[in-house]
Amino acid sequence: MRAHYRSEGLAESDLAVSPYDQFARWFKEAAVAGLHEPNAMVVSTADAAGRPSSRTVLLKAFDSRGFVFFTNYTSRKGRELAENPYVSLLFPWHPLARQVIVTGTAERIGRDETAAYFRTRPHGSQLGAWASEQSATVASRAELERAYEQLADRYPEGEQVPAPPHWGGYRVAAEAVEFWQGRHNRLHDRLRYVREEGGGRRAGLWRVERLAP
C-alpha cells in the first residue's frame, strides 16, 4: 500500500510570517478542497510518567494565541494535561498530501470563553457533556442513555443548559509547528517554525528550519 505524492512543493519563500498565518492558509485550502472535517486533529498527551495517549478531537478556534479545543477536564486527556501540559496536535490532511504537526503547552481557557462556546453547541451535545463521565467505565449503553434522558427531561429543547463545571476549553500555545508536504520519491518538504528562545509563550518571533524527509 503505497501512494505517489504530488509534485508541487513547499518552499521557504511560500511561508507566511507566523505559523498561525500559514496554518490559516492551509486550513482554508483544506476546507475549499472539501475535506471531511478538516478541523479534526489527533491530540497526543502523556501522563507524569511519560506514558502517551492519543485521540481525535475537533479544533474549535485558532488565532495568534494558539489552538483551542474543548473536553471534559476529568477525562484521560484532562487528567494527563493536569500532570503534564505538553501536547502534540496532528492534522492529517491525506487527500492533499499534507500534515501539520503542532507541539506546545496547553492551558485552560477562561470560563466566560467556555460558556460562550457552550451556548453555540446543539442542544443534544450540551446534554451529552453532562451525561457522559468521559473516560470512566460505564456498565452499559443503557445506563448512559438513561442519564441522557434524565437530563433531557430536566432541560427540554429550548431551555438554556449551563456549561458543566468539569467541562471546558484548552488553548495550545505552539512552541513549534511543522508543515509537511508530500513529494515524489519520498523527498517530502518539511518546514518547521520554531519559537525563538526568550520570546515568551505568545511572542511573534519565529525561525524556520527545513527538516530531512
Protein backbone atom coordinates (compact mmCIF):
# COMPACT_ATOMS: atom_id res chain seq x y z
CA MET A 1 0.00 0.00 0.00
CA ARG A 2 1.93 2.95 -1.32
CA ALA A 3 0.78 6.25 -2.82
CA HIS A 4 2.52 8.64 -5.18
CA TYR A 5 2.58 12.17 -3.82
CA ARG A 6 2.12 15.45 -5.62
CA SER A 7 4.91 17.30 -7.40
CA GLU A 8 4.02 20.73 -6.02
CA GLY A 9 6.31 21.60 -3.17
CA LEU A 10 6.58 23.96 -0.26
CA ALA A 11 9.44 26.48 -0.30
CA GLU A 12 10.61 28.77 2.45
CA SER A 13 9.60 31.73 0.28
CA ASP A 14 6.00 30.43 0.25
CA LEU A 15 5.57 30.68 4.00
CA ALA A 16 3.69 33.31 5.95
CA VAL A 17 5.49 35.26 8.67
CA SER A 18 3.93 33.26 11.53
CA PRO A 19 2.86 29.62 11.78
CA TYR A 20 -0.66 30.70 12.70
CA ASP A 21 -0.98 32.68 9.46
CA GLN A 22 0.43 29.75 7.49
CA PHE A 23 -1.99 27.40 9.21
CA ALA A 24 -4.87 29.70 8.27
CA ARG A 25 -3.82 29.44 4.61
CA TRP A 26 -3.61 25.66 4.61
CA PHE A 27 -6.76 25.26 6.69
CA LYS A 28 -8.71 27.35 4.18
CA GLU A 29 -7.34 25.28 1.28
CA ALA A 30 -8.32 22.06 3.07
CA ALA A 31 -11.85 23.38 3.60
CA VAL A 32 -12.17 24.58 0.00
CA ALA A 33 -10.95 21.17 -1.22
CA GLY A 34 -13.92 19.59 0.55
CA LEU A 35 -12.01 17.52 3.09
CA HIS A 36 -14.26 15.87 5.65
CA GLU A 37 -13.81 17.69 8.97
CA PRO A 38 -10.52 19.45 8.21
CA ASN A 39 -10.60 20.65 11.83
CA ALA A 40 -10.22 17.05 13.09
CA MET A 41 -6.86 16.65 14.80
CA VAL A 42 -5.08 13.92 16.73
CA VAL A 43 -4.33 15.22 20.24
CA SER A 44 -1.50 13.40 21.99
CA THR A 45 -0.83 13.81 25.69
CA ALA A 46 1.30 11.98 28.24
CA ASP A 47 0.99 11.36 31.96
CA ALA A 48 3.58 12.28 34.58
CA ALA A 49 5.48 9.05 33.84
CA GLY A 50 5.63 9.81 30.12
CA ARG A 51 3.09 7.19 29.02
CA PRO A 52 1.38 8.62 25.89
CA SER A 53 -2.21 8.51 24.71
CA SER A 54 -3.90 9.88 21.58
CA ARG A 55 -7.40 10.62 20.36
CA THR A 56 -9.14 12.62 17.63
CA VAL A 57 -10.65 15.94 18.73
CA LEU A 58 -12.15 18.85 16.79
CA LEU A 59 -10.33 22.17 16.65
CA LYS A 60 -12.83 24.90 17.52
CA ALA A 61 -10.78 28.09 17.21
CA PHE A 62 -7.29 29.36 16.48
CA ASP A 63 -5.53 32.71 16.40
CA SER A 64 -2.12 34.10 17.28
CA ARG A 65 -2.58 32.90 20.87
CA GLY A 66 -2.95 29.23 19.95
CA PHE A 67 -5.28 26.36 19.02
CA VAL A 68 -8.44 25.75 21.06
CA PHE A 69 -10.36 22.54 21.74
CA PHE A 70 -12.96 21.55 24.34
CA THR A 71 -13.25 18.48 26.52
CA ASN A 72 -14.19 17.06 29.90
CA TYR A 73 -11.49 18.08 32.38
CA THR A 74 -11.85 14.74 34.21
CA SER A 75 -11.25 12.73 31.02
CA ARG A 76 -7.95 10.92 30.47
CA LYS A 77 -6.54 13.79 28.43
CA GLY A 78 -7.75 16.28 31.03
CA ARG A 79 -6.05 14.36 33.83
CA GLU A 80 -2.86 13.99 31.83
CA LEU A 81 -2.75 17.68 30.96
CA ALA A 82 -3.11 18.48 34.66
CA GLU A 83 0.03 16.41 35.28
CA ASN A 84 1.93 17.31 32.13
CA PRO A 85 0.90 20.32 29.97
CA TYR A 86 3.00 19.34 26.95
CA VAL A 87 0.86 18.30 23.98
CA SER A 88 1.07 17.47 20.29
CA LEU A 89 -1.59 18.17 17.65
CA LEU A 90 -1.61 16.45 14.26
CA PHE A 91 -3.81 17.50 11.33
CA PRO A 92 -3.73 14.60 8.80
CA TRP A 93 -4.93 16.08 5.52
CA HIS A 94 -4.20 12.98 3.44
CA PRO A 95 -6.08 13.92 0.23
CA LEU A 96 -3.80 16.98 -0.08
CA ALA A 97 -0.69 15.01 0.94
CA ARG A 98 -0.29 17.43 3.82
CA GLN A 99 0.19 17.27 7.55
CA VAL A 100 0.54 19.94 10.20
CA ILE A 101 2.20 18.97 13.48
CA VAL A 102 1.98 21.34 16.44
CA THR A 103 3.92 20.91 19.68
CA GLY A 104 3.42 23.18 22.64
CA THR A 105 1.77 23.56 26.02
CA ALA A 106 -1.92 23.55 26.89
CA GLU A 107 -3.69 25.69 29.45
CA ARG A 108 -7.36 26.07 30.32
CA ILE A 109 -9.22 28.98 28.80
CA GLY A 110 -11.43 31.28 30.87
CA ARG A 111 -14.92 30.22 31.96
CA ASP A 112 -16.51 33.12 30.08
CA GLU A 113 -14.96 31.87 26.83
CA THR A 114 -16.06 28.31 27.60
CA ALA A 115 -19.63 29.41 28.39
CA ALA A 116 -19.84 31.46 25.19
CA TYR A 117 -18.81 28.47 23.09
CA PHE A 118 -21.05 26.05 25.02
CA ARG A 119 -24.09 28.16 24.13
CA THR A 120 -23.37 27.58 20.41
CA ARG A 121 -23.44 23.78 20.73
CA PRO A 122 -26.52 21.81 19.63
CA HIS A 123 -28.89 21.03 22.48
CA GLY A 124 -28.09 17.32 22.35
CA SER A 125 -24.37 17.96 22.55
CA GLN A 126 -24.91 20.19 25.57
CA LEU A 127 -26.78 17.39 27.33
CA GLY A 128 -24.12 14.88 26.30
CA ALA A 129 -21.43 16.94 28.03
CA TRP A 130 -23.36 16.49 31.28
CA ALA A 131 -24.42 12.87 30.72
CA SER A 132 -21.01 11.42 29.92
CA GLU A 133 -18.38 10.99 32.64
CA GLN A 134 -15.78 10.88 29.88
CA SER A 135 -13.16 8.11 30.07
CA ALA A 136 -14.80 6.49 33.12
CA THR A 137 -16.06 2.92 32.84
CA VAL A 138 -19.80 2.57 32.31
CA ALA A 139 -21.87 -0.54 32.99
CA SER A 140 -23.86 -0.43 29.75
CA ARG A 141 -25.08 1.70 26.88
CA ALA A 142 -28.49 1.72 28.56
CA GLU A 143 -27.02 3.39 31.65
CA LEU A 144 -25.54 6.16 29.52
CA GLU A 145 -28.81 6.69 27.67
CA ARG A 146 -30.77 6.79 30.94
CA ALA A 147 -28.51 9.59 32.19
CA TYR A 148 -29.11 11.46 28.94
CA GLU A 149 -32.89 11.04 29.12
CA GLN A 150 -32.97 12.32 32.70
CA LEU A 151 -31.12 15.43 31.58
CA ALA A 152 -33.43 15.84 28.58
CA ASP A 153 -36.39 15.87 31.00
CA ARG A 154 -34.65 18.44 33.18
CA TYR A 155 -33.57 20.66 30.27
CA PRO A 156 -36.13 20.31 27.44
CA GLU A 157 -35.38 21.65 23.98
CA GLY A 158 -35.27 25.43 24.02
CA GLU A 159 -34.21 25.71 27.65
CA GLN A 160 -30.71 27.03 28.36
CA VAL A 161 -28.27 24.37 29.52
CA PRO A 162 -25.40 25.65 31.69
CA ALA A 163 -21.84 24.62 30.89
CA PRO A 164 -20.71 21.84 33.24
CA PRO A 165 -18.05 22.99 35.72
CA HIS A 166 -15.91 19.95 34.79
CA TRP A 167 -16.02 20.76 31.07
CA GLY A 168 -14.21 23.48 29.12
CA GLY A 169 -11.54 24.53 26.71
CA TYR A 170 -7.80 24.30 26.38
CA ARG A 171 -5.60 26.59 24.35
CA VAL A 172 -2.38 25.12 22.96
CA ALA A 173 0.34 27.74 22.61
CA ALA A 174 2.72 26.48 19.95
CA GLU A 175 6.43 26.08 20.52
CA ALA A 176 6.96 24.53 17.08
CA VAL A 177 4.72 23.97 14.05
CA GLU A 178 5.76 21.72 11.17
CA PHE A 179 4.17 21.93 7.71
CA TRP A 180 4.64 18.68 5.81
CA GLN A 181 4.04 18.46 2.06
CA GLY A 182 4.29 15.09 0.33
CA ARG A 183 6.59 15.00 -2.71
CA HIS A 184 7.72 12.48 -5.33
CA ASN A 185 10.26 9.79 -4.38
CA ARG A 186 9.59 10.38 -0.69
CA LEU A 187 11.59 13.62 -0.82
CA HIS A 188 8.91 15.44 1.15
CA ASP A 189 9.08 19.09 2.12
CA ARG A 190 9.14 19.60 5.89
CA LEU A 191 9.34 23.19 7.09
CA ARG A 192 9.14 23.86 10.80
CA TYR A 193 8.57 27.13 12.62
CA VAL A 194 10.30 27.25 16.00
CA ARG A 195 9.63 29.97 18.54
CA GLU A 196 12.81 31.90 19.29
CA GLU A 197 14.15 31.49 22.81
CA GLY A 198 13.38 34.35 25.14
CA GLY A 199 10.38 35.37 23.05
CA GLY A 200 7.77 34.33 25.60
CA ARG A 201 4.84 31.95 25.19
CA ARG A 202 2.98 34.09 22.66
CA ALA A 203 5.74 36.18 21.13
CA GLY A 204 5.77 36.68 17.40
CA LEU A 205 9.43 35.79 16.77
CA TRP A 206 9.90 32.57 14.81
CA ARG A 207 12.70 30.94 12.88
CA VAL A 208 12.08 28.45 10.08
CA GLU A 209 14.13 25.32 9.59
CA ARG A 210 13.97 22.62 6.92
CA LEU A 211 13.93 19.01 8.07
CA ALA A 212 15.10 15.97 6.10
CA PRO A 213 12.17 13.81 4.98
